[in-house]
Amino acid sequence: MKGIRVAKPTGGDVYHNETMNDEQLKLSLHNIKITKELCK
């Protein structure tokens, strides 16, 4: 399965496929960064 694995704050993973547009991708990566910061 191709795509980027994104952990949901609620648990589990969401897979974003390669057809996602740049805006969605940036938002997802931004959310991951925030989530990682919160988990420290």
N, C-alpha and C. Protein backbone atom coordinates (compact mmCIF):
# COMPACT_ATOMS: atom_id res chain seq x y z
N MET A 1 0.84 -1.19 0.00
CA MET A 1 0.00 0.00 0.00
C MET A 1 0.88 1.25 0.00
N LYS A 2 0.74 2.03 -1.03
CA LYS A 2 1.53 3.25 -1.14
C LYS A 2 0.83 4.37 -0.40
N GLY A 3 1.64 5.31 0.06
CA GLY A 3 1.06 6.47 0.72
C GLY A 3 1.82 6.83 1.97
N ILE A 4 1.34 7.83 2.64
CA ILE A 4 1.99 8.31 3.85
C ILE A 4 1.14 7.90 5.03
N ARG A 5 1.76 7.27 6.01
CA ARG A 5 1.01 6.83 7.18
C ARG A 5 0.93 7.99 8.18
N VAL A 6 -0.27 8.31 8.58
CA VAL A 6 -0.46 9.39 9.53
C VAL A 6 -1.20 8.85 10.74
N ALA A 7 -0.59 9.00 11.90
CA ALA A 7 -1.23 8.53 13.12
C ALA A 7 -2.32 9.50 13.52
N LYS A 8 -3.50 8.98 13.80
CA LYS A 8 -4.59 9.83 14.26
C LYS A 8 -4.44 10.06 15.75
N PRO A 9 -4.76 11.25 16.24
CA PRO A 9 -4.70 11.54 17.67
C PRO A 9 -5.59 10.58 18.47
N THR A 10 -6.66 10.12 17.83
CA THR A 10 -7.61 9.24 18.50
C THR A 10 -7.13 7.80 18.53
N GLY A 11 -6.00 7.53 17.88
CA GLY A 11 -5.48 6.17 17.83
C GLY A 11 -5.68 5.58 16.46
N GLY A 12 -4.80 4.68 16.09
CA GLY A 12 -4.91 4.07 14.77
C GLY A 12 -4.17 4.90 13.73
N ASP A 13 -4.18 4.44 12.52
CA ASP A 13 -3.47 5.14 11.45
C ASP A 13 -4.41 5.46 10.30
N VAL A 14 -4.09 6.54 9.63
CA VAL A 14 -4.81 6.90 8.42
C VAL A 14 -3.80 6.89 7.31
N TYR A 15 -4.17 6.39 6.16
CA TYR A 15 -3.25 6.39 5.03
C TYR A 15 -3.70 7.44 4.03
N HIS A 16 -2.80 8.34 3.71
CA HIS A 16 -3.09 9.34 2.69
C HIS A 16 -2.40 8.85 1.43
N ASN A 17 -3.16 8.73 0.36
CA ASN A 17 -2.54 8.22 -0.86
C ASN A 17 -1.85 9.33 -1.64
N GLU A 18 -1.17 8.93 -2.69
CA GLU A 18 -0.35 9.86 -3.46
C GLU A 18 -1.15 10.86 -4.27
N THR A 19 -2.47 10.68 -4.33
CA THR A 19 -3.30 11.59 -5.10
C THR A 19 -3.69 12.82 -4.29
N MET A 20 -3.31 12.82 -3.03
CA MET A 20 -3.59 13.99 -2.20
C MET A 20 -2.91 15.21 -2.79
N ASN A 21 -3.58 16.34 -2.70
CA ASN A 21 -2.92 17.54 -3.23
C ASN A 21 -1.95 18.10 -2.20
N ASP A 22 -1.09 18.99 -2.64
CA ASP A 22 -0.04 19.55 -1.79
C ASP A 22 -0.58 20.20 -0.53
N GLU A 23 -1.72 20.87 -0.67
CA GLU A 23 -2.29 21.58 0.47
C GLU A 23 -2.67 20.60 1.57
N GLN A 24 -3.33 19.51 1.19
CA GLN A 24 -3.72 18.49 2.17
C GLN A 24 -2.49 17.86 2.80
N LEU A 25 -1.49 17.64 1.97
CA LEU A 25 -0.26 17.01 2.43
C LEU A 25 0.44 17.89 3.46
N LYS A 26 0.55 19.17 3.15
CA LYS A 26 1.18 20.10 4.08
C LYS A 26 0.43 20.14 5.40
N LEU A 27 -0.89 20.13 5.31
CA LEU A 27 -1.72 20.17 6.50
C LEU A 27 -1.49 18.92 7.33
N SER A 28 -1.43 17.78 6.69
CA SER A 28 -1.21 16.52 7.40
C SER A 28 0.14 16.51 8.09
N LEU A 29 1.16 16.93 7.37
CA LEU A 29 2.51 16.95 7.95
C LEU A 29 2.58 17.94 9.10
N HIS A 30 1.87 19.05 8.96
CA HIS A 30 1.82 20.06 10.01
C HIS A 30 1.16 19.48 11.26
N ASN A 31 0.08 18.74 11.05
CA ASN A 31 -0.63 18.12 12.17
C ASN A 31 0.23 17.08 12.87
N ILE A 32 1.02 16.35 12.10
CA ILE A 32 1.92 15.34 12.68
C ILE A 32 2.93 16.04 13.57
N LYS A 33 3.45 17.17 13.08
CA LYS A 33 4.44 17.93 13.84
C LYS A 33 3.84 18.39 15.17
N ILE A 34 2.63 18.92 15.12
CA ILE A 34 1.95 19.39 16.33
C ILE A 34 1.73 18.22 17.28
N THR A 35 1.27 17.10 16.74
CA THR A 35 1.00 15.92 17.56
C THR A 35 2.27 15.45 18.26
N LYS A 36 3.38 15.45 17.52
CA LYS A 36 4.65 15.03 18.10
C LYS A 36 5.07 15.98 19.22
N GLU A 37 4.86 17.27 19.02
CA GLU A 37 5.21 18.25 20.04
C GLU A 37 4.38 18.03 21.30
N LEU A 38 3.09 17.76 21.11
CA LEU A 38 2.20 17.56 22.24
C LEU A 38 2.55 16.29 23.03
N CYS A 39 3.09 15.30 22.31
CA CYS A 39 3.39 14.02 22.95
C CYS A 39 4.69 14.03 23.75
N LYS A 40 5.46 15.10 23.64
CA LYS A 40 6.74 15.15 24.35
C LYS A 40 6.54 15.26 25.85
